[in-house]
């Protein structure tokens, strides 16, 4: 048996349409940011500001956010197929 505090609804649901919209919006945005930061880091001078290391960190962070958005989109599409 799962312990419940009593304050949450028994059938709580997330707004799948909103999650789908946000994933569709941010997946290409983060993918473009990843590519942009990676290209910028490749052509940045070692002693310039921002440094190529900083730009590489930004590219990796944006890449991780791209993966999160893609995973969320996959989950939302799968749940919408089974629930609708």
N, C-alpha and C. Protein backbone atom coordinates (compact mmCIF):
# COMPACT_ATOMS: atom_id res chain seq x y z
N UNK A 1 0.84 -1.17 0.00
CA UNK A 1 0.00 0.00 0.00
C UNK A 1 0.89 1.25 0.00
N UNK A 2 0.51 2.22 -0.81
CA UNK A 2 1.29 3.45 -0.93
C UNK A 2 0.72 4.47 0.04
N UNK A 3 1.60 5.07 0.83
CA UNK A 3 1.17 6.08 1.79
C UNK A 3 0.87 7.37 1.05
N UNK A 4 -0.25 7.99 1.36
CA UNK A 4 -0.66 9.24 0.72
C UNK A 4 -0.91 10.26 1.81
N UNK A 5 -0.58 11.51 1.49
CA UNK A 5 -0.76 12.57 2.49
C UNK A 5 -2.22 13.03 2.56
N UNK A 6 -2.97 12.78 1.51
CA UNK A 6 -4.36 13.18 1.50
C UNK A 6 -4.61 14.52 0.84
N UNK A 7 -3.54 15.24 0.46
CA UNK A 7 -3.74 16.54 -0.17
C UNK A 7 -3.73 16.47 -1.69
N UNK A 8 -3.21 15.38 -2.26
CA UNK A 8 -3.17 15.29 -3.72
C UNK A 8 -4.42 14.56 -4.23
N UNK A 9 -4.85 14.91 -5.43
CA UNK A 9 -6.02 14.21 -5.98
C UNK A 9 -5.67 12.76 -6.33
N UNK A 10 -6.65 11.91 -6.25
CA UNK A 10 -6.41 10.49 -6.50
C UNK A 10 -6.12 10.22 -7.97
N UNK A 11 -6.65 11.04 -8.86
CA UNK A 11 -6.45 10.81 -10.29
C UNK A 11 -5.75 12.01 -10.94
N UNK A 12 -4.66 12.45 -10.35
CA UNK A 12 -3.94 13.61 -10.89
C UNK A 12 -3.35 13.28 -12.25
N UNK A 13 -3.44 14.20 -13.17
CA UNK A 13 -2.93 14.03 -14.53
C UNK A 13 -2.16 15.27 -14.94
N UNK A 14 -1.16 15.08 -15.79
CA UNK A 14 -0.48 16.22 -16.37
C UNK A 14 -1.19 16.62 -17.65
N UNK A 15 -1.01 17.85 -18.04
CA UNK A 15 -1.60 18.35 -19.27
C UNK A 15 -0.73 17.89 -20.44
N UNK A 16 -1.14 16.81 -21.09
CA UNK A 16 -0.33 16.23 -22.16
C UNK A 16 -0.22 17.16 -23.36
N UNK A 17 -1.27 17.93 -23.63
CA UNK A 17 -1.21 18.86 -24.76
C UNK A 17 -0.16 19.93 -24.53
N UNK A 18 -0.08 20.45 -23.31
CA UNK A 18 0.91 21.47 -22.99
C UNK A 18 2.31 20.89 -23.03
N UNK A 19 2.49 19.70 -22.48
CA UNK A 19 3.81 19.06 -22.52
C UNK A 19 4.23 18.76 -23.94
N UNK A 20 3.28 18.36 -24.79
CA UNK A 20 3.58 18.11 -26.20
C UNK A 20 4.01 19.41 -26.89
N UNK A 21 3.27 20.49 -26.64
CA UNK A 21 3.59 21.78 -27.23
C UNK A 21 4.97 22.27 -26.79
N UNK A 22 5.25 22.18 -25.50
CA UNK A 22 6.55 22.63 -24.98
C UNK A 22 7.70 21.78 -25.52
N UNK A 23 7.49 20.48 -25.61
CA UNK A 23 8.54 19.62 -26.16
C UNK A 23 8.78 19.91 -27.63
N UNK A 24 7.72 20.15 -28.38
CA UNK A 24 7.87 20.47 -29.80
C UNK A 24 8.54 21.83 -29.99
N UNK A 25 8.36 22.73 -29.05
CA UNK A 25 8.97 24.04 -29.14
C UNK A 25 10.45 24.00 -28.73
N UNK A 26 10.75 23.34 -27.64
CA UNK A 26 12.10 23.39 -27.09
C UNK A 26 13.05 22.34 -27.65
N UNK A 27 12.55 21.26 -28.22
CA UNK A 27 13.45 20.27 -28.82
C UNK A 27 14.29 20.86 -29.94
N UNK A 28 13.70 21.52 -30.94
CA UNK A 28 14.56 22.13 -31.97
C UNK A 28 15.37 23.31 -31.45
N UNK A 29 14.82 24.06 -30.49
CA UNK A 29 15.55 25.19 -29.93
C UNK A 29 16.84 24.73 -29.27
N UNK A 30 16.75 23.71 -28.41
CA UNK A 30 17.94 23.22 -27.72
C UNK A 30 18.89 22.52 -28.69
N UNK A 31 18.37 21.87 -29.73
CA UNK A 31 19.24 21.24 -30.72
C UNK A 31 20.02 22.31 -31.48
N UNK A 32 19.37 23.40 -31.86
CA UNK A 32 20.07 24.49 -32.53
C UNK A 32 21.08 25.16 -31.62
N UNK A 33 20.73 25.34 -30.35
CA UNK A 33 21.68 25.92 -29.40
C UNK A 33 22.89 25.01 -29.22
N UNK A 34 22.67 23.70 -29.17
CA UNK A 34 23.78 22.76 -29.06
C UNK A 34 24.73 22.90 -30.24
N UNK A 35 24.16 22.91 -31.43
CA UNK A 35 24.99 23.04 -32.63
C UNK A 35 25.69 24.39 -32.67
N UNK A 36 24.97 25.44 -32.32
CA UNK A 36 25.56 26.77 -32.33
C UNK A 36 26.72 26.92 -31.37
N UNK A 37 26.53 26.45 -30.14
CA UNK A 37 27.61 26.53 -29.16
C UNK A 37 28.79 25.65 -29.54
N UNK A 38 28.52 24.49 -30.14
CA UNK A 38 29.60 23.60 -30.55
C UNK A 38 30.43 24.23 -31.67
N UNK A 39 29.76 24.83 -32.64
CA UNK A 39 30.48 25.49 -33.73
C UNK A 39 31.25 26.69 -33.20
N UNK A 40 30.62 27.46 -32.34
CA UNK A 40 31.28 28.63 -31.75
C UNK A 40 32.52 28.21 -30.94
N UNK A 41 32.38 27.11 -30.19
CA UNK A 41 33.52 26.61 -29.41
C UNK A 41 34.65 26.13 -30.31
N UNK A 42 34.29 25.54 -31.46
CA UNK A 42 35.31 25.05 -32.38
C UNK A 42 36.13 26.19 -32.98
N UNK A 43 35.49 27.33 -33.21
CA UNK A 43 36.18 28.45 -33.84
C UNK A 43 36.64 29.52 -32.85
N UNK A 44 36.41 29.32 -31.56
CA UNK A 44 36.79 30.31 -30.56
C UNK A 44 38.29 30.26 -30.31
N UNK A 45 38.85 31.41 -30.05
CA UNK A 45 40.28 31.43 -29.73
C UNK A 45 40.47 30.98 -28.27
N UNK A 46 41.59 30.35 -27.97
CA UNK A 46 41.79 29.81 -26.62
C UNK A 46 41.82 30.89 -25.53
N UNK A 47 42.22 32.10 -25.89
CA UNK A 47 42.34 33.16 -24.89
C UNK A 47 41.23 34.20 -25.01
N UNK A 48 40.24 33.93 -25.83
CA UNK A 48 39.14 34.87 -26.01
C UNK A 48 38.11 34.74 -24.91
N UNK A 49 37.18 35.65 -24.95
CA UNK A 49 36.07 35.59 -23.99
C UNK A 49 34.78 35.48 -24.78
N UNK A 50 33.95 34.52 -24.56
CA UNK A 50 34.10 33.38 -23.65
C UNK A 50 35.07 32.35 -24.20
N UNK A 51 35.64 31.58 -23.31
CA UNK A 51 36.63 30.59 -23.72
C UNK A 51 35.95 29.40 -24.40
N UNK A 52 36.73 28.64 -25.12
CA UNK A 52 36.17 27.48 -25.80
C UNK A 52 35.67 26.44 -24.80
N UNK A 53 36.28 26.38 -23.61
CA UNK A 53 35.81 25.46 -22.57
C UNK A 53 34.43 25.82 -22.07
N UNK A 54 34.20 27.11 -21.88
CA UNK A 54 32.88 27.56 -21.43
C UNK A 54 31.82 27.26 -22.49
N UNK A 55 32.16 27.51 -23.74
CA UNK A 55 31.21 27.24 -24.82
C UNK A 55 30.94 25.75 -24.97
N UNK A 56 31.95 24.94 -24.70
CA UNK A 56 31.75 23.49 -24.74
C UNK A 56 30.81 23.05 -23.63
N UNK A 57 30.95 23.62 -22.46
CA UNK A 57 30.03 23.30 -21.35
C UNK A 57 28.60 23.70 -21.71
N UNK A 58 28.44 24.87 -22.32
CA UNK A 58 27.10 25.29 -22.76
C UNK A 58 26.54 24.32 -23.80
N UNK A 59 27.39 23.87 -24.72
CA UNK A 59 26.94 22.92 -25.75
C UNK A 59 26.51 21.60 -25.12
N UNK A 60 27.25 21.13 -24.14
CA UNK A 60 26.90 19.87 -23.47
C UNK A 60 25.60 20.02 -22.69
N UNK A 61 25.44 21.14 -21.99
CA UNK A 61 24.20 21.38 -21.24
C UNK A 61 22.99 21.45 -22.17
N UNK A 62 23.14 22.15 -23.28
CA UNK A 62 22.04 22.21 -24.25
C UNK A 62 21.77 20.84 -24.87
N UNK A 63 22.83 20.06 -25.07
CA UNK A 63 22.64 18.70 -25.58
C UNK A 63 21.86 17.84 -24.61
N UNK A 64 22.15 17.98 -23.32
CA UNK A 64 21.39 17.23 -22.31
C UNK A 64 19.93 17.67 -22.28
N UNK A 65 19.69 18.97 -22.40
CA UNK A 65 18.31 19.46 -22.43
C UNK A 65 17.59 18.99 -23.69
N UNK A 66 18.31 18.85 -24.79
CA UNK A 66 17.73 18.29 -26.01
C UNK A 66 17.28 16.86 -25.77
N UNK A 67 18.12 16.08 -25.09
CA UNK A 67 17.76 14.69 -24.79
C UNK A 67 16.56 14.61 -23.87
N UNK A 68 16.49 15.50 -22.88
CA UNK A 68 15.35 15.52 -21.96
C UNK A 68 14.07 15.87 -22.71
N UNK A 69 14.14 16.87 -23.60
CA UNK A 69 12.95 17.25 -24.37
C UNK A 69 12.53 16.13 -25.31
N UNK A 70 13.49 15.43 -25.91
CA UNK A 70 13.16 14.31 -26.80
C UNK A 70 12.54 13.15 -26.02
N UNK A 71 13.07 12.87 -24.85
CA UNK A 71 12.50 11.79 -24.02
C UNK A 71 11.09 12.15 -23.57
N UNK A 72 10.87 13.39 -23.18
CA UNK A 72 9.54 13.81 -22.75
C UNK A 72 8.56 13.75 -23.91
N UNK A 73 9.00 14.15 -25.10
CA UNK A 73 8.14 14.07 -26.28
C UNK A 73 7.77 12.63 -26.57
N UNK A 74 8.73 11.73 -26.45
CA UNK A 74 8.46 10.31 -26.69
C UNK A 74 7.44 9.79 -25.67
N UNK A 75 7.59 10.15 -24.39
CA UNK A 75 6.67 9.70 -23.35
C UNK A 75 5.27 10.24 -23.60
N UNK A 76 5.18 11.52 -23.96
CA UNK A 76 3.87 12.15 -24.18
C UNK A 76 3.17 11.50 -25.37
N UNK A 77 3.88 11.28 -26.46
CA UNK A 77 3.27 10.66 -27.64
C UNK A 77 2.80 9.25 -27.31
N UNK A 78 3.61 8.51 -26.57
CA UNK A 78 3.22 7.14 -26.20
C UNK A 78 1.98 7.14 -25.29
N UNK A 79 1.96 8.07 -24.32
CA UNK A 79 0.81 8.13 -23.41
C UNK A 79 -0.45 8.58 -24.14
N UNK A 80 -0.31 9.52 -25.07
CA UNK A 80 -1.49 9.98 -25.81
C UNK A 80 -2.07 8.88 -26.68
N UNK A 81 -1.21 8.03 -27.22
CA UNK A 81 -1.70 6.91 -28.05
C UNK A 81 -2.47 5.91 -27.20
N UNK A 82 -2.00 5.65 -25.99
CA UNK A 82 -2.68 4.64 -25.16
C UNK A 82 -3.90 5.19 -24.46
N UNK A 83 -3.94 6.49 -24.19
CA UNK A 83 -5.07 7.06 -23.44
C UNK A 83 -6.19 7.55 -24.32
N UNK A 84 -5.90 7.87 -25.56
CA UNK A 84 -6.94 8.43 -26.42
C UNK A 84 -7.55 7.40 -27.30
